[in-house]
C-alpha atoms as a PDB file:
ATOM      1  CA  MET A   1     -27.687 -29.066  10.961  1.00  0.00           C
ATOM      2  CA  THR A   2     -30.401 -29.437  13.561  1.00  0.00           C
ATOM      3  CA  GLU A   3     -33.898 -29.034  14.340  1.00  0.00           C
ATOM      4  CA  GLU A   4     -33.353 -26.276  16.828  1.00  0.00           C
ATOM      5  CA  ILE A   5     -35.101 -23.186  16.230  1.00  0.00           C
ATOM      6  CA  ASN A   6     -32.981 -20.239  15.108  1.00  0.00           C
ATOM      7  CA  GLN A   7     -35.427 -17.538  14.321  1.00  0.00           C
ATOM      8  CA  ASN A   8     -37.114 -15.655  16.863  1.00  0.00           C
ATOM      9  CA  TYR A   9     -39.897 -16.108  18.488  1.00  0.00           C
ATOM     10  CA  PRO A  10     -42.898 -13.657  17.874  1.00  0.00           C
ATOM     11  CA  LYS A  11     -43.583 -11.205  21.134  1.00  0.00           C
ATOM     12  CA  ALA A  12     -46.458 -12.894  22.177  1.00  0.00           C
ATOM     13  CA  TYR A  13     -45.355 -16.329  22.097  1.00  0.00           C
ATOM     14  CA  GLN A  14     -44.177 -17.062  25.719  1.00  0.00           C
ATOM     15  CA  GLN A  15     -47.411 -15.407  27.449  1.00  0.00           C
ATOM     16  CA  ILE A  16     -49.362 -17.414  25.229  1.00  0.00           C
ATOM     17  CA  ASN A  17     -47.964 -20.653  25.804  1.00  0.00           C
ATOM     18  CA  ALA A  18     -48.054 -19.694  29.726  1.00  0.00           C
ATOM     19  CA  ALA A  19     -51.736 -19.168  29.452  1.00  0.00           C
ATOM     20  CA  THR A  20     -52.362 -22.125  27.059  1.00  0.00           C
ATOM     21  CA  LYS A  21     -50.674 -24.679  29.758  1.00  0.00           C
ATOM     22  CA  ALA A  22     -52.663 -22.999  32.382  1.00  0.00           C
ATOM     23  CA  SER A  23     -56.213 -23.232  30.133  1.00  0.00           C
ATOM     24  CA  GLY A  24     -55.563 -27.161  30.041  1.00  0.00           C
ATOM     25  CA  PHE A  25     -55.050 -26.535  26.095  1.00  0.00           C
ATOM     26  CA  ASP A  26     -53.393 -29.674  24.577  1.00  0.00           C
ATOM     27  CA  MET A  27     -53.635 -29.356  20.671  1.00  0.00           C
ATOM     28  CA  ALA A  28     -51.489 -26.308  20.296  1.00  0.00           C
ATOM     29  CA  SER A  29     -49.265 -26.585  17.020  1.00  0.00           C
ATOM     30  CA  ASP A  30     -45.594 -27.799  18.214  1.00  0.00           C
ATOM     31  CA  VAL A  31     -42.851 -24.740  17.766  1.00  0.00           C
ATOM     32  CA  LEU A  32     -41.581 -26.154  14.525  1.00  0.00           C
ATOM     33  CA  THR A  33     -44.675 -26.446  12.573  1.00  0.00           C
ATOM     34  CA  CYS A  34     -44.846 -22.715  13.858  1.00  0.00           C
ATOM     35  CA  SER A  35     -41.542 -21.982  12.523  1.00  0.00           C
ATOM     36  CA  LEU A  36     -42.686 -23.394   8.954  1.00  0.00           C
ATOM     37  CA  LEU A  37     -45.922 -21.311   9.075  1.00  0.00           C
ATOM     38  CA  LYS A  38     -43.908 -18.008   9.791  1.00  0.00           C
ATOM     39  CA  THR A  39     -41.143 -18.981   7.331  1.00  0.00           C
ATOM     40  CA  LEU A  40     -44.456 -19.961   4.600  1.00  0.00           C
ATOM     41  CA  ALA A  41     -46.369 -16.847   5.255  1.00  0.00           C
ATOM     42  CA  ALA A  42     -43.485 -14.591   4.405  1.00  0.00           C
ATOM     43  CA  SER A  43     -43.961 -15.952   1.142  1.00  0.00           C
ATOM     44  CA  LYS A  44     -47.296 -14.603   0.215  1.00  0.00           C
ATOM     45  CA  PRO A  45     -46.692 -10.552   0.735  1.00  0.00           C
ATOM     46  CA  SER A  46     -50.015  -8.718   0.680  1.00  0.00           C
ATOM     47  CA  GLY A  47     -51.678 -11.904   1.643  1.00  0.00           C
ATOM     48  CA  ARG A  48     -55.150 -13.135   2.315  1.00  0.00           C
ATOM     49  CA  PHE A  49     -54.372 -16.203   5.091  1.00  0.00           C
ATOM     50  CA  LEU A  50     -56.865 -18.249   6.686  1.00  0.00           C
ATOM     51  CA  GLU A  51     -56.363 -20.781   9.809  1.00  0.00           C
ATOM     52  CA  LEU A  52     -58.972 -22.963  10.438  1.00  0.00           C
ATOM     53  CA  GLY A  53     -58.803 -23.817  14.181  1.00  0.00           C
ATOM     54  CA  THR A  54     -57.073 -21.023  16.223  1.00  0.00           C
ATOM     55  CA  GLY A  55     -57.092 -22.579  19.650  1.00  0.00           C
ATOM     56  CA  THR A  56     -55.327 -20.216  22.040  1.00  0.00           C
ATOM     57  CA  GLY A  57     -53.109 -18.750  18.992  1.00  0.00           C
ATOM     58  CA  LEU A  58     -49.727 -20.127  19.376  1.00  0.00           C
ATOM     59  CA  SER A  59     -49.905 -21.018  15.715  1.00  0.00           C
ATOM     60  CA  THR A  60     -51.575 -17.716  14.510  1.00  0.00           C
ATOM     61  CA  SER A  61     -48.795 -15.633  16.584  1.00  0.00           C
ATOM     62  CA  TRP A  62     -46.297 -17.128  14.268  1.00  0.00           C
ATOM     63  CA  ILE A  63     -48.383 -16.416  11.305  1.00  0.00           C
ATOM     64  CA  LEU A  64     -48.526 -12.997  12.011  1.00  0.00           C
ATOM     65  CA  ASP A  65     -45.086 -12.828  12.180  1.00  0.00           C
ATOM     66  CA  GLY A  66     -44.408 -14.323   8.679  1.00  0.00           C
ATOM     67  CA  LEU A  67     -46.992 -11.550   7.349  1.00  0.00           C
ATOM     68  CA  ASP A  68     -46.018  -7.911   6.050  1.00  0.00           C
ATOM     69  CA  GLN A  69     -48.115  -4.903   6.971  1.00  0.00           C
ATOM     70  CA  GLY A  70     -50.641  -5.265   3.746  1.00  0.00           C
ATOM     71  CA  SER A  71     -51.560  -8.821   5.074  1.00  0.00           C
ATOM     72  CA  LYS A  72     -54.889 -10.164   6.233  1.00  0.00           C
ATOM     73  CA  LEU A  73     -54.951 -13.409   8.491  1.00  0.00           C
ATOM     74  CA  THR A  74     -58.926 -14.446   9.437  1.00  0.00           C
ATOM     75  CA  SER A  75     -58.423 -17.291  12.249  1.00  0.00           C
ATOM     76  CA  ILE A  76     -61.826 -19.038  13.347  1.00  0.00           C
ATOM     77  CA  ASP A  77     -61.987 -21.912  16.383  1.00  0.00           C
ATOM     78  CA  ASN A  78     -65.417 -22.424  18.304  1.00  0.00           C
ATOM     79  CA  ASP A  79     -64.396 -22.628  21.258  1.00  0.00           C
ATOM     80  CA  ALA A  80     -64.470 -18.832  23.352  1.00  0.00           C
ATOM     81  CA  LYS A  81     -62.248 -20.025  26.128  1.00  0.00           C
ATOM     82  CA  PHE A  82     -59.660 -20.678  24.477  1.00  0.00           C
ATOM     83  CA  LEU A  83     -59.805 -18.103  21.644  1.00  0.00           C
ATOM     84  CA  ALA A  84     -60.278 -14.979  24.290  1.00  0.00           C
ATOM     85  CA  ILE A  85     -56.736 -16.439  25.141  1.00  0.00           C
ATOM     86  CA  ALA A  86     -55.990 -15.466  21.473  1.00  0.00           C
ATOM     87  CA  LYS A  87     -57.740 -12.201  22.045  1.00  0.00           C
ATOM     88  CA  ASP A  88     -55.996 -11.041  24.662  1.00  0.00           C
ATOM     89  CA  PHE A  89     -52.738 -11.366  23.255  1.00  0.00           C
ATOM     90  CA  LEU A  90     -52.929 -10.520  19.490  1.00  0.00           C
ATOM     91  CA  GLY A  91     -56.355  -8.822  19.180  1.00  0.00           C
ATOM     92  CA  ASN A  92     -55.017  -5.412  19.010  1.00  0.00           C
ATOM     93  CA  ASP A  93     -53.263  -6.691  15.496  1.00  0.00           C
ATOM     94  CA  ASP A  94     -55.558  -4.958  12.603  1.00  0.00           C
ATOM     95  CA  ARG A  95     -54.301  -7.713  10.151  1.00  0.00           C
ATOM     96  CA  LEU A  96     -56.055 -10.405  12.039  1.00  0.00           C
ATOM     97  CA  THR A  97     -59.841 -10.922  12.097  1.00  0.00           C
ATOM     98  CA  LEU A  98     -60.649 -13.910  15.246  1.00  0.00           C
ATOM     99  CA  VAL A  99     -64.222 -15.055  14.614  1.00  0.00           C
ATOM    100  CA  ASP A 100     -65.708 -17.342  17.115  1.00  0.00           C
ATOM    101  CA  THR A 101     -68.120 -19.932  15.179  1.00  0.00           C
ATOM    102  CA  ASP A 102     -68.357 -23.295  14.045  1.00  0.00           C
ATOM    103  CA  GLY A 103     -65.793 -24.095  10.858  1.00  0.00           C
ATOM    104  CA  ALA A 104     -68.320 -25.573   8.985  1.00  0.00           C
ATOM    105  CA  GLU A 105     -71.202 -22.544   8.766  1.00  0.00           C
ATOM    106  CA  TRP A 106     -67.982 -19.829   8.618  1.00  0.00           C
ATOM    107  CA  ILE A 107     -67.186 -22.204   5.173  1.00  0.00           C
ATOM    108  CA  GLU A 108     -70.618 -22.362   3.828  1.00  0.00           C
ATOM    109  CA  LYS A 109     -71.026 -18.508   4.527  1.00  0.00           C
ATOM    110  CA  ASN A 110     -67.425 -17.443   2.793  1.00  0.00           C
ATOM    111  CA  LYS A 111     -67.021 -19.898   0.530  1.00  0.00           C
ATOM    112  CA  ASP A 112     -66.381 -17.760  -2.413  1.00  0.00           C
ATOM    113  CA  LYS A 113     -63.881 -15.598  -0.505  1.00  0.00           C
ATOM    114  CA  LYS A 114     -60.333 -16.594  -1.802  1.00  0.00           C
ATOM    115  CA  PHE A 115     -56.702 -17.171   0.375  1.00  0.00           C
ATOM    116  CA  ASP A 116     -53.204 -17.338  -0.335  1.00  0.00           C
ATOM    117  CA  TYR A 117     -52.831 -19.306   2.209  1.00  0.00           C
ATOM    118  CA  ILE A 118     -54.780 -21.862   4.381  1.00  0.00           C
ATOM    119  CA  PHE A 119     -53.476 -23.665   7.674  1.00  0.00           C
ATOM    120  CA  ALA A 120     -56.215 -26.088   8.247  1.00  0.00           C
ATOM    121  CA  ASP A 121     -55.573 -27.216  11.943  1.00  0.00           C
ATOM    122  CA  THR A 122     -59.176 -28.326  12.932  1.00  0.00           C
ATOM    123  CA  TRP A 123     -61.595 -30.776  11.863  1.00  0.00           C
ATOM    124  CA  HIS A 124     -63.153 -28.212   8.779  1.00  0.00           C
ATOM    125  CA  GLY A 125     -60.887 -28.165   6.159  1.00  0.00           C
ATOM    126  CA  LYS A 126     -58.904 -31.123   6.855  1.00  0.00           C
ATOM    127  CA  TYR A 127     -61.221 -34.002   7.791  1.00  0.00           C
ATOM    128  CA  LEU A 128     -64.206 -32.021   7.167  1.00  0.00           C
ATOM    129  CA  LEU A 129     -65.123 -29.677   4.127  1.00  0.00           C
ATOM    130  CA  LEU A 130     -61.763 -30.694   2.201  1.00  0.00           C
ATOM    131  CA  ASP A 131     -62.675 -29.850  -1.144  1.00  0.00           C
ATOM    132  CA  GLN A 132     -64.683 -26.966  -0.050  1.00  0.00           C
ATOM    133  CA  ALA A 133     -61.328 -25.537   1.796  1.00  0.00           C
ATOM    134  CA  ILE A 134     -59.045 -26.472  -1.204  1.00  0.00           C
ATOM    135  CA  ALA A 135     -61.883 -23.981  -3.376  1.00  0.00           C
ATOM    136  CA  MET A 136     -60.685 -21.324  -1.373  1.00  0.00           C
ATOM    137  CA  LEU A 137     -57.546 -21.092  -2.453  1.00  0.00           C
ATOM    138  CA  ASN A 138     -56.006 -19.026  -5.469  1.00  0.00           C
ATOM    139  CA  LYS A 139     -53.857 -20.376  -7.870  1.00  0.00           C
ATOM    140  CA  GLY A 140     -50.096 -20.769  -6.232  1.00  0.00           C
ATOM    141  CA  GLY A 141     -51.978 -20.822  -2.691  1.00  0.00           C
ATOM    142  CA  LEU A 142     -50.243 -22.930  -0.125  1.00  0.00           C
ATOM    143  CA  TYR A 143     -52.636 -25.751   1.958  1.00  0.00           C
ATOM    144  CA  ILE A 144     -50.916 -26.593   5.099  1.00  0.00           C
ATOM    145  CA  ILE A 145     -51.803 -29.408   7.603  1.00  0.00           C
ATOM    146  CA  ASP A 146     -50.022 -30.693  10.893  1.00  0.00           C
ATOM    147  CA  ASP A 147     -50.381 -33.468  13.274  1.00  0.00           C
ATOM    148  CA  MET A 148     -50.308 -36.188  10.256  1.00  0.00           C
ATOM    149  CA  LEU A 149     -47.902 -38.532  12.120  1.00  0.00           C
ATOM    150  CA  PRO A 150     -49.526 -40.270  15.210  1.00  0.00           C
ATOM    151  CA  GLN A 151     -49.950 -38.428  18.376  1.00  0.00           C
ATOM    152  CA  GLN A 152     -50.396 -39.214  21.929  1.00  0.00           C
ATOM    153  CA  ASN A 153     -53.891 -37.377  22.334  1.00  0.00           C
ATOM    154  CA  TRP A 154     -55.520 -39.476  19.070  1.00  0.00           C
ATOM    155  CA  PRO A 155     -58.979 -40.792  20.103  1.00  0.00           C
ATOM    156  CA  GLU A 156     -58.904 -44.391  18.965  1.00  0.00           C
ATOM    157  CA  GLY A 157     -59.798 -45.316  15.326  1.00  0.00           C
ATOM    158  CA  HIS A 158     -58.239 -41.716  14.290  1.00  0.00           C
ATOM    159  CA  GLN A 159     -54.776 -43.059  12.918  1.00  0.00           C
ATOM    160  CA  GLU A 160     -57.305 -45.049   9.894  1.00  0.00           C
ATOM    161  CA  LYS A 161     -58.819 -41.151   9.494  1.00  0.00           C
ATOM    162  CA  ALA A 162     -55.292 -39.427   8.809  1.00  0.00           C
ATOM    163  CA  ILE A 163     -54.242 -42.398   6.214  1.00  0.00           C
ATOM    164  CA  LYS A 164     -57.608 -41.468   4.608  1.00  0.00           C
ATOM    165  CA  LEU A 165     -56.865 -37.735   4.180  1.00  0.00           C
ATOM    166  CA  ILE A 166     -53.067 -38.654   3.137  1.00  0.00           C
ATOM    167  CA  LYS A 167     -54.890 -40.959   0.612  1.00  0.00           C
ATOM    168  CA  ASP A 168     -57.371 -38.530  -0.710  1.00  0.00           C
ATOM    169  CA  LEU A 169     -54.924 -35.727  -0.772  1.00  0.00           C
ATOM    170  CA  GLU A 170     -52.646 -37.904  -2.941  1.00  0.00           C
ATOM    171  CA  SER A 171     -55.671 -38.551  -5.229  1.00  0.00           C
ATOM    172  CA  ARG A 172     -56.363 -35.073  -6.202  1.00  0.00           C
ATOM    173  CA  ASP A 173     -55.038 -33.403  -9.160  1.00  0.00           C
ATOM    174  CA  ASP A 174     -55.105 -29.766  -8.481  1.00  0.00           C
ATOM    175  CA  LEU A 175     -52.528 -29.858  -5.697  1.00  0.00           C
ATOM    176  CA  HIS A 176     -48.787 -30.174  -5.650  1.00  0.00           C
ATOM    177  CA  LEU A 177     -48.158 -32.059  -2.621  1.00  0.00           C
ATOM    178  CA  THR A 178     -45.067 -32.449  -0.154  1.00  0.00           C
ATOM    179  CA  LYS A 179     -45.403 -34.743   2.918  1.00  0.00           C
ATOM    180  CA  GLN A 180     -43.077 -34.030   5.621  1.00  0.00           C
ATOM    181  CA  VAL A 181     -42.056 -36.646   8.559  1.00  0.00           C
ATOM    182  CA  TRP A 182     -40.683 -34.200  10.205  1.00  0.00           C
ATOM    183  CA  ALA A 183     -42.198 -32.454  13.763  1.00  0.00           C
ATOM    184  CA  THR A 184     -45.602 -33.520  13.802  1.00  0.00           C
ATOM    185  CA  GLY A 185     -46.004 -34.914  10.218  1.00  0.00           C
ATOM    186  CA  ILE A 186     -46.993 -31.956   8.099  1.00  0.00           C
ATOM    187  CA  VAL A 187     -48.167 -31.633   4.499  1.00  0.00           C
ATOM    188  CA  VAL A 188     -47.897 -28.642   2.313  1.00  0.00           C
ATOM    189  CA  GLY A 189     -50.109 -28.473  -0.969  1.00  0.00           C
ATOM    190  CA  VAL A 190     -49.728 -25.852  -3.798  1.00  0.00           C
ATOM    191  CA  LYS A 191     -52.678 -25.195  -5.370  1.00  0.00           C
ATOM    192  CA  LYS A 192     -52.167 -25.812  -9.432  1.00  0.00           C
END
């Protein structure tokens, strides 16, 4: 077994990847993580999905690739420049709602909504408002985060924040948790 991706990439992936590089966005999820996101998405037929941190839509394209036609994905980002790339290549998919807003505002306004899958790839829902994000999960819902192993683009002091987040997640009694020292460091939780 190798870490080679032996499944089809999403149709728009190469175009989004090229636009991402041209835009200077350097925080996109890696392809190993994206492959896992797709596989896990396929486990929730007719599910409600939330992505906190669209970026340019690279991970969004993989999540969409795992969804069936009865599923819906809401993806939030507050950077219109990068969100425009996702909209250009994925905006015609009627299963997807792209929202240009602050993550904290969106979570506060939508805290009563429930999801079967949350990929928290930004501060809100991960380092901030963790309790609120996990409260939005249905029983059996997946909570997924990446970038938990040291990254070159981490600012000074971020490693301590990541260590604290892992300890906070490990201390929760409402999640079954698996930490994977693979790709960029992935944590998958399932709501009890």
